[in-house]
């Protein structure tokens, strides 16, 4: 499926999607740190940078992270050589008050991470299907942090290693038209 773009945008955005066909080839720690460096420079409210990363790239930590995934995600994500959990601090460090924007900011960091990974020839797939409480206990995540997602990171593998159902879904999805995303009476139409 080819995506249609109405405007010229960065190639990394045009090329990025969420594949499931991972190759188990290892990724260097420097490569992992480079994609996290991109995330580090995402903007955040009061420069709080509420996001935190837990990196699983060695067998023991990978096994713990994999066990927190739902079976449907384990089916394909178990091949990924790196899993990264993103948590976000719910309060401001400066004054302890609630940070309404923490998940928005962490999502921006994930976006930067995914685009830098794409630029480096890596694929990423963020997952909501995992047991947050199990992850909290296994990785000793304080209650002041929301656990947001687990991201698989790696190189693209063989599509035919996936189940038939997943092979059918292994392509970039199209997007709704831009006009449907704008809540402005002058531009938004349902026609």
N, C-alpha and C. Protein backbone atom coordinates (compact mmCIF):
# COMPACT_ATOMS: atom_id res chain seq x y z
N UNK A 1 0.85 -1.18 0.00
CA UNK A 1 0.00 0.00 0.00
C UNK A 1 0.90 1.24 0.00
N UNK A 2 0.66 2.10 -0.94
CA UNK A 2 1.41 3.34 -1.00
C UNK A 2 0.61 4.45 -0.32
N UNK A 3 1.27 5.18 0.52
CA UNK A 3 0.63 6.31 1.19
C UNK A 3 0.65 7.52 0.26
N UNK A 4 -0.36 8.36 0.39
CA UNK A 4 -0.43 9.59 -0.38
C UNK A 4 -0.09 10.76 0.54
N UNK A 5 0.78 11.62 0.07
CA UNK A 5 1.17 12.81 0.83
C UNK A 5 0.75 14.04 0.03
N UNK A 6 0.03 14.92 0.67
CA UNK A 6 -0.45 16.13 0.01
C UNK A 6 0.60 17.23 -0.02
N UNK A 7 1.60 17.15 0.85
CA UNK A 7 2.65 18.15 0.93
C UNK A 7 3.98 17.45 1.08
N UNK A 8 5.04 18.14 0.70
CA UNK A 8 6.38 17.57 0.84
C UNK A 8 6.80 17.69 2.31
N UNK A 9 7.19 16.56 2.91
CA UNK A 9 7.61 16.52 4.31
C UNK A 9 8.89 15.70 4.43
N UNK A 10 9.47 15.67 5.63
CA UNK A 10 10.72 14.94 5.86
C UNK A 10 10.62 13.48 5.40
N UNK A 11 11.66 12.97 4.75
CA UNK A 11 11.63 11.57 4.31
C UNK A 11 11.43 10.59 5.47
N UNK A 12 12.00 10.89 6.65
CA UNK A 12 11.85 9.98 7.79
C UNK A 12 10.39 9.83 8.21
N UNK A 13 9.62 10.90 8.08
CA UNK A 13 8.19 10.81 8.40
C UNK A 13 7.47 10.01 7.32
N UNK A 14 7.81 10.26 6.07
CA UNK A 14 7.16 9.56 4.96
C UNK A 14 7.43 8.05 5.00
N UNK A 15 8.63 7.68 5.42
CA UNK A 15 9.05 6.27 5.38
C UNK A 15 8.70 5.50 6.64
N UNK A 16 8.46 6.18 7.78
CA UNK A 16 8.25 5.50 9.05
C UNK A 16 6.87 4.86 9.15
N UNK A 17 6.84 3.63 9.61
CA UNK A 17 5.60 2.95 9.95
C UNK A 17 5.95 1.96 11.05
N UNK A 18 5.03 1.12 11.47
CA UNK A 18 5.25 0.22 12.61
C UNK A 18 5.24 -1.25 12.18
N UNK A 19 6.35 -1.73 11.62
CA UNK A 19 6.42 -3.13 11.20
C UNK A 19 6.46 -4.08 12.39
N UNK A 20 6.20 -5.34 12.11
CA UNK A 20 6.28 -6.40 13.12
C UNK A 20 7.35 -7.44 12.77
N UNK A 21 7.87 -7.39 11.57
CA UNK A 21 8.87 -8.38 11.11
C UNK A 21 10.26 -7.93 11.53
N UNK A 22 10.64 -8.28 12.75
CA UNK A 22 11.95 -7.89 13.27
C UNK A 22 12.99 -8.96 12.99
N UNK A 23 14.21 -8.50 12.74
CA UNK A 23 15.35 -9.37 12.67
C UNK A 23 15.98 -9.37 14.06
N UNK A 24 16.52 -10.47 14.50
CA UNK A 24 17.09 -10.54 15.85
C UNK A 24 18.52 -10.00 15.93
N UNK A 25 19.05 -9.49 14.83
CA UNK A 25 20.40 -8.92 14.80
C UNK A 25 20.56 -7.86 15.89
N UNK A 26 21.63 -7.99 16.67
CA UNK A 26 21.87 -7.06 17.78
C UNK A 26 22.09 -5.64 17.28
N UNK A 27 21.78 -4.69 18.16
CA UNK A 27 22.03 -3.27 17.91
C UNK A 27 23.02 -2.81 18.97
N UNK A 28 24.00 -2.04 18.56
CA UNK A 28 25.01 -1.59 19.52
C UNK A 28 24.39 -0.65 20.55
N UNK A 29 24.99 -0.61 21.71
CA UNK A 29 24.53 0.30 22.77
C UNK A 29 24.66 1.75 22.29
N UNK A 30 25.69 2.06 21.51
CA UNK A 30 25.84 3.42 20.98
C UNK A 30 24.66 3.79 20.08
N UNK A 31 24.20 2.86 19.28
CA UNK A 31 23.05 3.12 18.40
C UNK A 31 21.78 3.37 19.23
N UNK A 32 21.60 2.59 20.27
CA UNK A 32 20.45 2.78 21.16
C UNK A 32 20.54 4.15 21.83
N UNK A 33 21.72 4.47 22.33
CA UNK A 33 21.88 5.76 23.01
C UNK A 33 21.67 6.92 22.05
N UNK A 34 22.01 6.76 20.79
CA UNK A 34 21.81 7.83 19.81
C UNK A 34 20.33 8.12 19.59
N UNK A 35 19.49 7.07 19.53
CA UNK A 35 18.05 7.33 19.36
C UNK A 35 17.47 7.94 20.63
N UNK A 36 18.00 7.56 21.79
CA UNK A 36 17.55 8.18 23.04
C UNK A 36 18.04 9.62 23.16
N UNK A 37 19.20 9.91 22.56
CA UNK A 37 19.69 11.28 22.53
C UNK A 37 18.72 12.18 21.75
N UNK A 38 18.19 11.67 20.67
CA UNK A 38 17.19 12.44 19.91
C UNK A 38 15.97 12.71 20.78
N UNK A 39 15.52 11.70 21.52
CA UNK A 39 14.37 11.87 22.42
C UNK A 39 14.67 12.89 23.51
N UNK A 40 15.89 12.91 23.99
CA UNK A 40 16.30 13.83 25.05
C UNK A 40 16.07 15.29 24.65
N UNK A 41 16.16 15.58 23.36
CA UNK A 41 16.03 16.96 22.90
C UNK A 41 14.61 17.33 22.47
N UNK A 42 13.65 16.48 22.79
CA UNK A 42 12.25 16.84 22.52
C UNK A 42 11.84 17.98 23.45
N UNK A 43 10.95 18.86 23.00
CA UNK A 43 10.49 19.94 23.88
C UNK A 43 9.59 19.40 24.99
N UNK A 44 9.55 20.12 26.11
CA UNK A 44 8.67 19.72 27.21
C UNK A 44 8.29 20.95 28.03
N UNK A 45 7.18 20.85 28.72
CA UNK A 45 6.68 21.93 29.55
C UNK A 45 7.72 22.28 30.63
N UNK A 46 8.10 23.55 30.72
CA UNK A 46 9.11 24.03 31.65
C UNK A 46 10.42 23.24 31.54
N UNK A 47 10.67 22.64 30.38
CA UNK A 47 11.87 21.83 30.16
C UNK A 47 12.00 20.73 31.21
N UNK A 48 10.88 20.21 31.66
CA UNK A 48 10.85 19.18 32.71
C UNK A 48 11.44 17.85 32.24
N UNK A 49 11.26 17.52 30.97
CA UNK A 49 11.72 16.24 30.43
C UNK A 49 11.26 15.08 31.32
N UNK A 50 9.94 14.88 31.44
CA UNK A 50 9.42 13.89 32.38
C UNK A 50 9.60 12.44 31.95
N UNK A 51 9.99 12.20 30.72
CA UNK A 51 10.13 10.83 30.22
C UNK A 51 11.34 10.14 30.83
N UNK A 52 11.18 8.84 31.04
CA UNK A 52 12.28 7.98 31.50
C UNK A 52 12.25 6.71 30.67
N UNK A 53 13.42 6.15 30.41
CA UNK A 53 13.54 4.97 29.57
C UNK A 53 14.12 3.81 30.37
N UNK A 54 13.57 2.65 30.17
CA UNK A 54 14.16 1.42 30.67
C UNK A 54 14.53 0.61 29.44
N UNK A 55 15.81 0.33 29.29
CA UNK A 55 16.33 -0.35 28.10
C UNK A 55 16.51 -1.83 28.41
N UNK A 56 15.92 -2.66 27.58
CA UNK A 56 16.15 -4.10 27.67
C UNK A 56 16.87 -4.51 26.38
N UNK A 57 18.16 -4.82 26.51
CA UNK A 57 18.93 -5.23 25.33
C UNK A 57 19.89 -6.39 25.64
N UNK A 58 19.78 -6.91 26.85
CA UNK A 58 20.53 -8.10 27.23
C UNK A 58 19.52 -9.16 27.61
N UNK A 59 19.90 -10.41 27.53
CA UNK A 59 18.92 -11.49 27.64
C UNK A 59 18.07 -11.44 28.91
N UNK A 60 18.69 -11.15 30.05
CA UNK A 60 17.92 -11.12 31.30
C UNK A 60 16.85 -10.03 31.29
N UNK A 61 17.24 -8.81 30.91
CA UNK A 61 16.26 -7.72 30.88
C UNK A 61 15.25 -7.91 29.76
N UNK A 62 15.68 -8.44 28.62
CA UNK A 62 14.74 -8.71 27.54
C UNK A 62 13.69 -9.73 27.97
N UNK A 63 14.11 -10.77 28.68
CA UNK A 63 13.17 -11.80 29.13
C UNK A 63 12.13 -11.20 30.07
N UNK A 64 12.56 -10.35 31.00
CA UNK A 64 11.62 -9.70 31.92
C UNK A 64 10.64 -8.81 31.16
N UNK A 65 11.14 -8.05 30.18
CA UNK A 65 10.28 -7.15 29.42
C UNK A 65 9.32 -7.96 28.54
N UNK A 66 9.80 -9.01 27.91
CA UNK A 66 8.95 -9.86 27.05
C UNK A 66 7.82 -10.48 27.86
N UNK A 67 8.11 -10.89 29.08
CA UNK A 67 7.09 -11.53 29.91
C UNK A 67 5.96 -10.57 30.28
N UNK A 68 6.22 -9.27 30.21
CA UNK A 68 5.18 -8.28 30.50
C UNK A 68 4.27 -8.03 29.29
N UNK A 69 4.72 -8.43 28.09
CA UNK A 69 3.93 -8.20 26.87
C UNK A 69 2.75 -9.16 26.80
N UNK A 70 1.69 -8.73 26.14
CA UNK A 70 0.56 -9.63 25.88
C UNK A 70 1.02 -10.71 24.91
N UNK A 71 0.38 -11.89 24.93
CA UNK A 71 0.78 -12.96 24.00
C UNK A 71 0.76 -12.53 22.54
N UNK A 72 -0.21 -11.70 22.15
CA UNK A 72 -0.27 -11.27 20.74
C UNK A 72 0.93 -10.41 20.36
N UNK A 73 1.47 -9.64 21.29
CA UNK A 73 2.68 -8.87 21.00
C UNK A 73 3.93 -9.72 21.14
N UNK A 74 3.93 -10.68 22.07
CA UNK A 74 5.08 -11.58 22.20
C UNK A 74 5.32 -12.34 20.90
N UNK A 75 4.24 -12.65 20.20
CA UNK A 75 4.33 -13.42 18.95
C UNK A 75 5.36 -12.83 17.98
N UNK A 76 5.42 -11.52 17.89
CA UNK A 76 6.36 -10.89 16.96
C UNK A 76 7.48 -10.11 17.67
N UNK A 77 7.19 -9.49 18.81
CA UNK A 77 8.17 -8.62 19.48
C UNK A 77 9.29 -9.40 20.15
N UNK A 78 9.10 -10.68 20.39
CA UNK A 78 10.16 -11.48 21.01
C UNK A 78 11.42 -11.55 20.16
N UNK A 79 11.30 -11.25 18.86
CA UNK A 79 12.48 -11.25 17.98
C UNK A 79 13.26 -9.94 18.05
N UNK A 80 12.62 -8.88 18.50
CA UNK A 80 13.29 -7.57 18.54
C UNK A 80 14.48 -7.63 19.50
N UNK A 81 15.63 -7.12 19.09
CA UNK A 81 16.81 -7.18 19.95
C UNK A 81 16.82 -6.14 21.07
N UNK A 82 15.91 -5.15 20.96
CA UNK A 82 15.83 -4.11 21.98
C UNK A 82 14.36 -3.80 22.26
N UNK A 83 14.03 -3.73 23.55
CA UNK A 83 12.73 -3.25 23.98
C UNK A 83 12.98 -2.09 24.93
N UNK A 84 12.26 -1.01 24.71
CA UNK A 84 12.43 0.18 25.55
C UNK A 84 11.08 0.54 26.15
N UNK A 85 11.02 0.59 27.46
CA UNK A 85 9.81 1.01 28.16
C UNK A 85 9.92 2.52 28.39
N UNK A 86 8.82 3.23 28.12
CA UNK A 86 8.78 4.67 28.41
C UNK A 86 7.80 4.89 29.56
N UNK A 87 8.31 5.54 30.60
CA UNK A 87 7.49 5.98 31.73
C UNK A 87 7.59 7.50 31.78
N UNK A 88 6.65 8.12 32.47
CA UNK A 88 6.65 9.59 32.53
C UNK A 88 6.27 10.05 33.93
N UNK A 89 7.05 10.96 34.46
CA UNK A 89 6.84 11.49 35.82
C UNK A 89 5.62 12.40 35.83
N UNK A 90 4.70 12.11 36.75
CA UNK A 90 3.42 12.81 36.80
C UNK A 90 3.46 14.16 37.49
N UNK A 91 4.55 14.45 38.19
CA UNK A 91 4.65 15.71 38.92
C UNK A 91 5.90 16.46 38.50
N UNK A 92 5.87 17.78 38.66
CA UNK A 92 7.04 18.61 38.38
C UNK A 92 8.09 18.39 39.45
N UNK A 93 9.32 18.27 39.06
CA UNK A 93 10.43 18.09 39.99
C UNK A 93 10.61 19.33 40.87
N UNK A 94 10.43 20.50 40.28
CA UNK A 94 10.66 21.76 40.98
C UNK A 94 9.75 21.96 42.18
N UNK A 95 8.45 21.67 42.01
CA UNK A 95 7.51 22.01 43.09
C UNK A 95 6.58 20.87 43.51
N UNK A 96 6.69 19.71 42.89
CA UNK A 96 5.86 18.57 43.26
C UNK A 96 4.42 18.65 42.79
N UNK A 97 4.05 19.71 42.09
CA UNK A 97 2.68 19.85 41.58
C UNK A 97 2.47 18.94 40.38
N UNK A 98 1.21 18.60 40.13
CA UNK A 98 0.89 17.75 39.00
C UNK A 98 1.29 18.36 37.67
N UNK A 99 1.85 17.54 36.81
CA UNK A 99 2.25 17.97 35.48
C UNK A 99 1.23 17.43 34.48
N UNK A 100 0.24 18.26 34.15
CA UNK A 100 -0.83 17.89 33.23
C UNK A 100 -0.28 17.46 31.87
N UNK A 101 0.88 17.96 31.46
CA UNK A 101 1.42 17.77 30.12
C UNK A 101 2.43 16.63 30.02
N UNK A 102 2.65 15.88 31.07
CA UNK A 102 3.75 14.91 31.08
C UNK A 102 3.62 13.85 29.98
N UNK A 103 2.41 13.36 29.73
CA UNK A 103 2.26 12.32 28.71
C UNK A 103 2.37 12.91 27.30
N UNK A 104 1.91 14.14 27.12
CA UNK A 104 2.09 14.84 25.85
C UNK A 104 3.59 14.97 25.57
N UNK A 105 4.34 15.39 26.57
CA UNK A 105 5.78 15.57 26.41
C UNK A 105 6.48 14.23 26.14
N UNK A 106 6.10 13.19 26.85
CA UNK A 106 6.71 11.87 26.63
C UNK A 106 6.38 11.35 25.23
N UNK A 107 5.18 11.64 24.76
CA UNK A 107 4.80 11.26 23.40
C UNK A 107 5.66 11.97 22.36
N UNK A 108 5.98 13.22 22.63
CA UNK A 108 6.86 13.96 21.73
C UNK A 108 8.24 13.33 21.71
N UNK A 109 8.73 12.93 22.88
CA UNK A 109 10.04 12.26 22.95
C UNK A 109 10.02 10.96 22.15
N UNK A 110 8.93 10.20 22.25
CA UNK A 110 8.80 8.97 21.46
C UNK A 110 8.84 9.30 19.97
N UNK A 111 8.19 10.38 19.56
CA UNK A 111 8.22 10.76 18.16
C UNK A 111 9.63 11.06 17.68
N UNK A 112 10.38 11.81 18.47
CA UNK A 112 11.77 12.12 18.11
C UNK A 112 12.59 10.82 18.03
N UNK A 113 12.40 9.93 19.01
CA UNK A 113 13.11 8.65 19.03
C UNK A 113 12.82 7.86 17.76
N UNK A 114 11.55 7.78 17.39
CA UNK A 114 11.17 6.96 16.23
C UNK A 114 11.73 7.53 14.93
N UNK A 115 11.77 8.85 14.82
CA UNK A 115 12.30 9.45 13.60
C UNK A 115 13.82 9.30 13.50
N UNK A 116 14.52 9.41 14.62
CA UNK A 116 15.97 9.18 14.59
C UNK A 116 16.28 7.72 14.28
N UNK A 117 15.50 6.81 14.83
CA UNK A 117 15.68 5.40 14.50
C UNK A 117 15.47 5.18 13.00
N UNK A 118 14.44 5.76 12.45
CA UNK A 118 14.16 5.64 11.02
C UNK A 118 15.33 6.17 10.19
N UNK A 119 15.85 7.32 10.60
CA UNK A 119 16.99 7.92 9.89
C UNK A 119 18.20 6.98 9.89
N UNK A 120 18.34 6.19 10.95
CA UNK A 120 19.48 5.28 11.09
C UNK A 120 19.22 3.90 10.47
N UNK A 121 18.08 3.74 9.82
CA UNK A 121 17.79 2.45 9.19
C UNK A 121 17.21 1.42 10.13
N UNK A 122 16.72 1.87 11.28
CA UNK A 122 16.10 0.97 12.25
C UNK A 122 14.58 1.09 12.16
N UNK A 123 13.89 0.07 12.64
CA UNK A 123 12.43 0.13 12.71
C UNK A 123 12.01 0.18 14.18
N UNK A 124 10.85 0.76 14.42
CA UNK A 124 10.29 0.85 15.77
C UNK A 124 8.82 0.51 15.72
N UNK A 125 8.33 -0.03 16.81
CA UNK A 125 6.91 -0.34 16.95
C UNK A 125 6.54 -0.18 18.42
N UNK A 126 5.72 0.83 18.70
CA UNK A 126 5.27 1.07 20.08
C UNK A 126 4.06 0.20 20.37
N UNK A 127 4.00 -0.32 21.60
CA UNK A 127 2.93 -1.24 21.99
C UNK A 127 2.20 -0.75 23.23
N UNK A 128 0.88 -0.90 23.21
CA UNK A 128 0.07 -0.66 24.40
C UNK A 128 -0.27 -1.97 25.09
N UNK A 129 -0.07 -3.08 24.40
CA UNK A 129 -0.43 -4.40 24.93
C UNK A 129 0.65 -4.98 25.80
N UNK A 130 0.62 -4.61 27.08
CA UNK A 130 1.54 -5.19 28.06
C UNK A 130 0.96 -4.94 29.45
N UNK A 131 1.45 -5.69 30.42
CA UNK A 131 0.96 -5.61 31.78
C UNK A 131 1.77 -4.54 32.54
N UNK A 132 1.13 -3.39 32.76
CA UNK A 132 1.82 -2.27 33.38
C UNK A 132 2.25 -2.57 34.81
N UNK A 133 1.39 -3.23 35.56
CA UNK A 133 1.73 -3.53 36.96
C UNK A 133 2.90 -4.52 37.04
N UNK A 134 2.92 -5.49 36.15
CA UNK A 134 4.04 -6.43 36.13
C UNK A 134 5.33 -5.68 35.80
N UNK A 135 5.26 -4.78 34.82
CA UNK A 135 6.44 -3.98 34.47
C UNK A 135 6.87 -3.10 35.64
N UNK A 136 5.91 -2.52 36.35
CA UNK A 136 6.23 -1.65 37.49
C UNK A 136 7.01 -2.43 38.55
N UNK A 137 6.54 -3.63 38.84
CA UNK A 137 7.20 -4.45 39.87
C UNK A 137 8.56 -4.94 39.38
N UNK A 138 8.61 -5.50 38.17
CA UNK A 138 9.86 -6.09 37.66
C UNK A 138 10.97 -5.06 37.50
N UNK A 139 10.60 -3.83 37.13
CA UNK A 139 11.62 -2.81 36.86
C UNK A 139 11.66 -1.72 37.93
N UNK A 140 10.95 -1.94 39.04
CA UNK A 140 11.00 -1.04 40.21
C UNK A 140 10.67 0.41 39.83
N UNK A 141 9.54 0.59 39.14
CA UNK A 141 9.13 1.92 38.68
C UNK A 141 8.28 2.56 39.77
N UNK A 142 8.67 3.74 40.25
CA UNK A 142 7.92 4.41 41.33
C UNK A 142 6.49 4.76 40.90
N UNK A 143 5.61 4.87 41.88
CA UNK A 143 4.20 5.19 41.63
C UNK A 143 4.01 6.58 41.02
N UNK A 144 4.99 7.45 41.17
CA UNK A 144 4.88 8.80 40.62
C UNK A 144 5.11 8.83 39.11
N UNK A 145 5.23 7.66 38.47
CA UNK A 145 5.44 7.57 37.04
C UNK A 145 4.30 6.78 36.40
N UNK A 146 3.75 7.33 35.32
CA UNK A 146 2.83 6.57 34.47
C UNK A 146 3.68 5.74 33.52
N UNK A 147 3.29 4.50 33.34
CA UNK A 147 3.98 3.62 32.39
C UNK A 147 3.19 3.71 31.09
N UNK A 148 3.83 4.18 30.04
CA UNK A 148 3.11 4.54 28.82
C UNK A 148 3.16 3.47 27.74
N UNK A 149 4.34 3.01 27.39
CA UNK A 149 4.46 2.10 26.25
C UNK A 149 5.74 1.29 26.35
N UNK A 150 5.79 0.22 25.58
CA UNK A 150 7.02 -0.53 25.34
C UNK A 150 7.25 -0.46 23.83
N UNK A 151 8.47 -0.13 23.45
CA UNK A 151 8.82 0.03 22.04
C UNK A 151 9.80 -1.06 21.63
N UNK A 152 9.50 -1.75 20.55
CA UNK A 152 10.43 -2.69 19.95
C UNK A 152 11.30 -1.91 18.97
N UNK A 153 12.61 -2.16 19.01
CA UNK A 153 13.57 -1.48 18.13
C UNK A 153 14.47 -2.53 17.51
N UNK A 154 14.72 -2.40 16.22
CA UNK A 154 15.61 -3.34 15.56
C UNK A 154 15.71 -3.08 14.07
N UNK A 155 16.19 -4.09 13.36
CA UNK A 155 16.28 -4.05 11.90
C UNK A 155 15.10 -4.82 11.33
N UNK A 156 14.72 -4.44 10.12
CA UNK A 156 13.60 -5.15 9.48
C UNK A 156 14.03 -6.56 9.13
N UNK A 157 13.14 -7.52 9.41
CA UNK A 157 13.42 -8.93 9.17
C UNK A 157 12.63 -9.48 8.00
N UNK A 158 12.32 -10.75 8.07
CA UNK A 158 11.59 -11.44 7.01
C UNK A 158 10.10 -11.47 7.31
N UNK A 159 9.33 -10.90 6.42
CA UNK A 159 7.88 -10.87 6.58
C UNK A 159 7.30 -12.29 6.67
N UNK A 160 7.90 -13.23 5.95
CA UNK A 160 7.35 -14.60 5.94
C UNK A 160 7.59 -15.35 7.25
N UNK A 161 8.31 -14.76 8.18
CA UNK A 161 8.47 -15.36 9.51
C UNK A 161 7.27 -15.06 10.40
N UNK A 162 6.41 -14.16 9.97
CA UNK A 162 5.20 -13.83 10.73
C UNK A 162 4.09 -14.80 10.40
N UNK A 163 3.10 -14.88 11.29
CA UNK A 163 1.91 -15.69 11.00
C UNK A 163 1.21 -15.11 9.77
N UNK A 164 0.36 -15.88 9.14
CA UNK A 164 -0.37 -15.41 7.96
C UNK A 164 -1.17 -14.15 8.23
N UNK A 165 -1.81 -14.10 9.38
CA UNK A 165 -2.61 -12.91 9.74
C UNK A 165 -1.73 -11.67 9.86
N UNK A 166 -0.57 -11.82 10.52
CA UNK A 166 0.32 -10.69 10.67
C UNK A 166 0.98 -10.31 9.34
N UNK A 167 1.25 -11.28 8.48
CA UNK A 167 1.79 -10.97 7.16
C UNK A 167 0.82 -10.08 6.38
N UNK A 168 -0.46 -10.36 6.50
CA UNK A 168 -1.47 -9.55 5.81
C UNK A 168 -1.49 -8.12 6.31
N UNK A 169 -1.09 -7.91 7.55
CA UNK A 169 -1.11 -6.56 8.16
C UNK A 169 0.24 -5.86 8.05
N UNK A 170 1.23 -6.51 7.45
CA UNK A 170 2.60 -5.99 7.43
C UNK A 170 2.80 -5.01 6.27
N UNK A 171 2.23 -3.83 6.44
CA UNK A 171 2.37 -2.75 5.46
C UNK A 171 1.99 -1.44 6.13
N UNK A 172 2.49 -0.32 5.59
CA UNK A 172 2.09 0.97 6.15
C UNK A 172 0.59 1.20 5.98
N UNK A 173 -0.03 1.70 7.03
CA UNK A 173 -1.46 2.01 6.97
C UNK A 173 -1.64 3.42 6.41
N UNK A 174 -2.74 3.63 5.74
CA UNK A 174 -3.06 4.96 5.24
C UNK A 174 -3.55 5.82 6.40
N UNK A 175 -3.71 7.08 6.18
CA UNK A 175 -4.17 8.02 7.19
C UNK A 175 -5.45 8.69 6.71
N UNK A 176 -6.21 9.21 7.67
CA UNK A 176 -7.40 9.97 7.30
C UNK A 176 -6.93 11.26 6.63
N UNK A 177 -7.79 11.86 5.86
CA UNK A 177 -7.45 13.10 5.18
C UNK A 177 -7.20 14.22 6.19
N UNK A 178 -6.29 15.10 5.86
CA UNK A 178 -5.91 16.20 6.74
C UNK A 178 -7.12 17.04 7.13
N UNK A 179 -8.02 17.27 6.21
CA UNK A 179 -9.19 18.11 6.51
C UNK A 179 -10.06 17.51 7.60
N UNK A 180 -10.01 16.19 7.78
CA UNK A 180 -10.80 15.54 8.82
C UNK A 180 -10.18 15.72 10.20
N UNK A 181 -8.94 16.13 10.25
CA UNK A 181 -8.24 16.30 11.52
C UNK A 181 -8.30 17.72 12.04
N UNK A 182 -8.82 18.63 11.24
CA UNK A 182 -8.85 20.03 11.62
C UNK A 182 -10.24 20.39 12.11
N UNK A 183 -10.31 20.86 13.35
CA UNK A 183 -11.60 21.23 13.95
C UNK A 183 -11.84 22.73 13.77
N UNK A 184 -11.96 23.12 12.53
CA UNK A 184 -12.19 24.51 12.18
C UNK A 184 -13.34 24.50 11.19
N UNK A 185 -14.42 25.15 11.51
CA UNK A 185 -15.60 25.09 10.66
C UNK A 185 -15.32 25.52 9.25
N UNK A 186 -14.35 26.41 9.05
CA UNK A 186 -14.04 26.86 7.71
C UNK A 186 -13.32 25.82 6.86
N UNK A 187 -12.63 24.86 7.52
CA UNK A 187 -11.85 23.87 6.78
C UNK A 187 -12.37 22.45 6.92
N UNK A 188 -13.05 22.16 8.00
CA UNK A 188 -13.47 20.78 8.29
C UNK A 188 -14.77 20.46 7.58
N UNK A 189 -14.73 19.39 6.84
CA UNK A 189 -15.96 18.90 6.20
C UNK A 189 -15.99 17.39 6.34
N UNK A 190 -17.17 16.85 6.33
CA UNK A 190 -17.31 15.39 6.36
C UNK A 190 -17.59 14.84 4.98
N UNK A 191 -17.52 15.69 3.99
CA UNK A 191 -17.84 15.26 2.62
C UNK A 191 -16.63 14.70 1.94
